[in-house]
Protein backbone atom coordinates (compact mmCIF):
# COMPACT_ATOMS: atom_id res chain seq x y z
CA UNK A 1 -6.64 32.92 69.75
CA UNK A 2 -3.24 33.27 69.65
CA UNK A 3 -1.16 34.72 67.38
CA UNK A 4 0.14 31.66 66.58
CA UNK A 5 -3.34 29.94 65.56
CA UNK A 6 -3.98 33.03 63.28
CA UNK A 7 -1.28 32.39 60.97
CA UNK A 8 -1.21 28.69 60.85
CA UNK A 9 -4.60 29.44 59.44
CA UNK A 10 -3.68 32.31 56.87
CA UNK A 11 -0.88 29.57 56.22
CA UNK A 12 -3.65 26.74 55.35
CA UNK A 13 -5.86 29.09 53.62
CA UNK A 14 -3.37 30.31 51.15
CA UNK A 15 -2.11 26.69 50.50
CA UNK A 16 -5.90 25.78 49.87
CA UNK A 17 -6.04 28.48 47.31
CA UNK A 18 -3.12 27.80 45.40
CA UNK A 19 -3.94 24.15 45.07
CA UNK A 20 -7.32 25.08 43.76
CA UNK A 21 -5.47 27.63 41.52
CA UNK A 22 -3.19 25.07 39.97
CA UNK A 23 -5.79 22.59 39.35
CA UNK A 24 -7.61 25.02 37.01
CA UNK A 25 -4.74 24.98 34.89
CA UNK A 26 -5.25 21.20 33.57
CA UNK A 27 -8.84 21.86 32.40
CA UNK A 28 -8.50 21.50 28.48
CA UNK A 29 -10.19 24.79 27.41
CA UNK A 30 -10.01 24.25 23.51
CA UNK A 31 -13.65 25.14 22.27
CA UNK A 32 -14.82 22.09 19.89
CA UNK A 33 -17.13 23.35 17.37
CA UNK A 34 -20.30 20.98 16.84
CA UNK A 35 -19.63 18.50 14.01
CA UNK A 36 -15.91 18.98 14.32
CA UNK A 37 -13.61 16.60 15.37
CA UNK A 38 -10.12 17.42 16.65
CA UNK A 39 -7.39 16.19 18.26
CA UNK A 40 -7.49 16.78 22.11
CA UNK A 41 -4.59 14.20 22.83
CA UNK A 42 -1.87 16.36 24.85
CA UNK A 43 0.82 17.69 23.28
CA UNK A 44 3.62 16.18 24.57
CA UNK A 45 2.55 12.95 23.90
CA UNK A 46 5.29 10.48 22.71
CA UNK A 47 4.42 7.81 20.14
CA UNK A 48 5.66 4.29 20.13
CA UNK A 49 8.61 3.15 17.81
CA UNK A 50 6.11 2.68 15.41
CA UNK A 51 4.56 5.22 14.97
CA UNK A 52 7.75 7.67 14.92
CA UNK A 53 8.65 5.64 11.99
CA UNK A 54 5.80 5.32 9.94
CA UNK A 55 5.55 8.03 7.32
CA UNK A 56 2.34 9.12 5.77
CA UNK A 57 1.48 11.60 3.32
CA UNK A 58 -0.94 13.88 4.14
CA UNK A 59 -2.42 17.18 1.93
CA UNK A 60 -0.01 19.30 4.83
CA UNK A 61 3.56 17.86 3.73
CA UNK A 62 3.18 16.06 0.28
CA UNK A 63 4.48 19.12 -1.64
CA UNK A 64 6.96 19.88 0.81
CA UNK A 65 8.26 15.90 0.37
CA UNK A 66 8.24 15.68 -2.99
CA UNK A 67 10.45 18.92 -3.45
CA UNK A 68 13.06 17.56 -1.46
CA UNK A 69 12.33 13.97 -3.09
CA UNK A 70 12.97 15.52 -6.75
CA UNK A 71 16.27 17.30 -6.18
CA UNK A 72 18.67 14.27 -6.49
CA UNK A 73 16.16 12.69 -8.71
CA UNK A 74 18.07 11.47 -12.32
CA UNK A 75 15.99 9.14 -13.32
CA UNK A 76 12.75 9.55 -15.42
CA UNK A 77 12.79 6.22 -17.77
CA UNK A 78 10.23 3.52 -16.49
CA UNK A 79 9.23 0.01 -17.54
CA UNK A 80 5.25 -0.84 -17.36
CA UNK A 81 5.09 -4.31 -17.62
CA UNK A 82 1.52 -4.82 -18.33
CA UNK A 83 -0.35 -8.49 -18.00
CA UNK A 84 -0.90 -7.60 -22.55
CA UNK A 85 2.96 -6.28 -22.70
CA UNK A 86 5.45 -3.95 -21.54
CA UNK A 87 5.94 -0.45 -22.65
CA UNK A 88 8.56 2.51 -21.56
CA UNK A 89 7.95 5.96 -20.29
CA UNK A 90 9.92 8.95 -20.34
CA UNK A 91 8.78 11.54 -17.68
CA UNK A 92 9.22 15.45 -18.24
CA UNK A 93 11.99 17.10 -15.66
CA UNK A 94 10.28 19.95 -15.56
CA UNK A 95 7.11 18.74 -13.99
CA UNK A 96 9.26 17.57 -10.87
CA UNK A 97 6.14 17.37 -8.46
CA UNK A 98 4.33 14.96 -10.65
CA UNK A 99 7.47 12.64 -11.82
CA UNK A 100 8.69 12.78 -8.30
CA UNK A 101 5.50 11.24 -6.95
CA UNK A 102 5.38 8.79 -10.40
CA UNK A 103 8.68 7.40 -9.33
CA UNK A 104 7.82 7.25 -5.49
CA UNK A 105 5.07 5.30 -6.04
CA UNK A 106 6.77 3.04 -8.05
CA UNK A 107 9.48 2.46 -5.75
CA UNK A 108 7.00 1.75 -3.38
CA UNK A 109 5.57 -0.72 -5.31
CA UNK A 110 2.13 0.85 -5.26
CA UNK A 111 1.21 0.13 -8.85
CA UNK A 112 2.33 -3.50 -9.33
CA UNK A 113 -0.93 -5.48 -8.95
CA UNK A 114 -3.38 -2.86 -10.10
CA UNK A 115 -4.97 -2.68 -13.28
CA UNK A 116 -6.03 -0.58 -16.65
CA UNK A 117 -9.00 -0.13 -15.18
CA UNK A 118 -10.93 2.74 -17.31
CA UNK A 119 -10.32 1.75 -20.93
CA UNK A 120 -12.53 4.38 -23.60
CA UNK A 121 -12.04 3.54 -27.58
CA UNK A 122 -9.60 5.75 -29.54
CA UNK A 123 -9.49 8.03 -26.27
CA UNK A 124 -7.52 7.04 -23.31
CA UNK A 125 -6.58 4.38 -20.78
CA UNK A 126 -6.50 4.79 -17.82
CA UNK A 127 -4.20 2.84 -15.08
CA UNK A 128 -3.70 2.54 -10.89
CA UNK A 129 -6.69 1.63 -9.60
CA UNK A 130 -8.29 -2.32 -9.02
CA UNK A 131 -10.98 -3.86 -7.44
CA UNK A 132 -9.51 -5.69 -5.06
CA UNK A 133 -8.26 -4.72 -1.58
CA UNK A 134 -5.18 -4.13 -1.68
CA UNK A 135 -4.91 -1.19 -3.65
CA UNK A 136 -7.40 0.89 -1.18
CA UNK A 137 -4.69 -0.67 1.83
CA UNK A 138 -1.70 0.53 0.25
CA UNK A 139 -3.31 3.77 -0.33
CA UNK A 140 -4.39 4.31 3.42
CA UNK A 141 -0.31 3.14 3.94
CA UNK A 142 0.83 5.79 1.47
CA UNK A 143 -1.04 8.55 2.38
CA UNK A 144 -4.11 10.76 1.84
CA UNK A 145 -2.96 13.75 -0.53
CA UNK A 146 -3.30 15.74 -3.67
CA UNK A 147 -1.19 17.41 -6.56
CA UNK A 148 -1.52 20.90 -7.98
CA UNK A 149 -2.11 21.33 -11.32
CA UNK A 150 1.31 21.79 -13.23
CA UNK A 151 -0.26 22.49 -16.69
CA UNK A 152 1.84 25.67 -18.38
CA UNK A 153 5.11 24.01 -18.88
CA UNK A 154 4.17 24.01 -22.72
CA UNK A 155 3.25 19.89 -23.08
CA UNK A 156 0.07 19.16 -24.82
CA UNK A 157 -2.00 15.93 -24.88
CA UNK A 158 -0.49 14.57 -28.14
CA UNK A 159 -0.70 11.01 -28.11
CA UNK A 160 0.88 8.96 -26.29
CA UNK A 161 1.41 11.33 -23.42
CA UNK A 162 0.94 10.26 -19.87
CA UNK A 163 -1.30 12.92 -17.50
CA UNK A 164 -2.96 12.59 -14.01
CA UNK A 165 -6.58 12.66 -13.65
CA UNK A 166 -8.22 15.26 -11.70
CA UNK A 167 -9.58 13.96 -7.78
CA UNK A 168 -13.10 12.93 -7.34
CA UNK A 169 -13.62 14.93 -4.54
CA UNK A 170 -14.96 18.78 -4.13
CA UNK A 171 -12.47 19.67 -6.72
CA UNK A 172 -12.72 23.42 -8.24
CA UNK A 173 -8.94 23.69 -8.73
CA UNK A 174 -8.84 20.71 -10.65
CA UNK A 175 -6.35 18.75 -7.95
CA UNK A 176 -4.51 15.75 -9.29
CA UNK A 177 -5.44 12.43 -7.95
CA UNK A 178 -1.54 11.09 -7.30
CA UNK A 179 -2.28 7.23 -7.65
CA UNK A 180 -3.50 7.41 -10.97
CA UNK A 181 -2.71 7.83 -14.61
CA UNK A 182 -3.89 8.01 -17.79
CA UNK A 183 -2.25 7.72 -21.43
CA UNK A 184 -3.65 9.51 -24.62
CA UNK A 185 -4.64 7.25 -27.28
CA UNK A 186 -6.21 9.57 -29.89
CA UNK A 187 -4.58 10.43 -33.41
CA UNK A 188 -3.15 13.31 -32.99
CA UNK A 189 -4.12 13.95 -30.04
CA UNK A 190 -6.87 15.03 -27.24
CA UNK A 191 -5.95 18.63 -27.07
CA UNK A 192 -9.06 19.76 -25.31
CA UNK A 193 -7.28 18.37 -22.23
CA UNK A 194 -5.04 20.86 -22.07
CA UNK A 195 -5.29 23.63 -19.39
CA UNK A 196 -7.48 20.89 -17.41
CA UNK A 197 -4.69 17.80 -16.71
CA UNK A 198 -1.01 17.76 -16.09
CA UNK A 199 0.75 16.24 -19.00
CA UNK A 200 3.77 14.71 -16.73
CA UNK A 201 5.47 11.82 -19.72
CA UNK A 202 5.01 10.32 -22.78
CA UNK A 203 5.68 6.72 -24.07
CA UNK A 204 8.76 6.25 -25.88
CA UNK A 205 8.26 2.47 -26.57
CA UNK A 206 5.49 0.00 -26.92
CA UNK A 207 2.92 2.12 -27.95
CA UNK A 208 1.67 -0.76 -29.95
CA UNK A 209 0.75 -2.42 -26.53
CA UNK A 210 -1.22 0.71 -25.26
CA UNK A 211 -3.10 0.58 -28.66
CA UNK A 212 -3.79 -3.10 -27.74
CA UNK A 213 -4.90 -2.48 -24.24
CA UNK A 214 -7.12 0.51 -25.53
CA UNK A 215 -9.03 -2.58 -28.06
CA UNK A 216 -9.86 -4.71 -25.32
CA UNK A 217 -13.70 -5.16 -25.11
CA UNK A 218 -15.39 -3.34 -21.77
CA UNK A 219 -18.24 -3.16 -20.04
CA UNK A 220 -20.42 -0.95 -17.55
CA UNK A 221 -18.20 2.02 -16.47
CA UNK A 222 -15.41 1.65 -19.06
CA UNK A 223 -14.20 -1.21 -16.99
CA UNK A 224 -12.01 -3.94 -19.17
CA UNK A 225 -14.09 -7.08 -19.55
CA UNK A 226 -11.07 -9.18 -18.45
CA UNK A 227 -8.79 -7.40 -16.14
CA UNK A 228 -5.49 -5.71 -17.82
CA UNK A 229 -3.13 -5.69 -14.94
CA UNK A 230 -0.44 -3.52 -14.34
CA UNK A 231 2.35 -6.33 -13.07
CA UNK A 232 4.86 -3.80 -12.59
CA UNK A 233 6.31 -0.67 -12.63
CA UNK A 234 9.94 -0.30 -12.57
CA UNK A 235 12.67 2.64 -12.89
CA UNK A 236 15.16 1.09 -15.59
CA UNK A 237 17.16 4.91 -15.69
């Protein structure tokens, strides 16, 4: 074999080996454990315009989002209009995440059309849920997240206080369910709740409407026999 042929053959062999080496880099070597689902899309995938513009809250970004959101938040008084009348609440400024969350959801229109779905006589009225398709759709659109408890600001569960229930998910740290709230009706208060839930506001006008709601007949699961709707929650100042 001539020298030229030997050189040509060597070049071809090196080219072939180099090509094979490059191809091995394209193999996805990430390990996926059993019963684990991970995003295997390439990291450089560019979302379409709709996906890029749509923002959803998650357990990873919620605290950072509400930290920034509350910085310029001057409002703290809201009017809650129900199918049985309206009342006014004032949120506590030094419970920033829960205050910001409530105002954000109100401005998103989340509460509009939900209900006071749990009523326990002489104890609480609880709102923010509903037995319809629209409410879970709104939750999915806004996002899935929880809020950390913030019960060390000195507030107690006096009559008229707004507080946030814990999530029903596996929840040893009493993380708050952001879409629901309850109002204490007990006189003078329900102090056994202190330390387990986060008071973040109080009724400053229209407590008689809250008492009227608490007096409606209820059925199984403390659900009112006749739905009590939250028609709108609006920030007024």
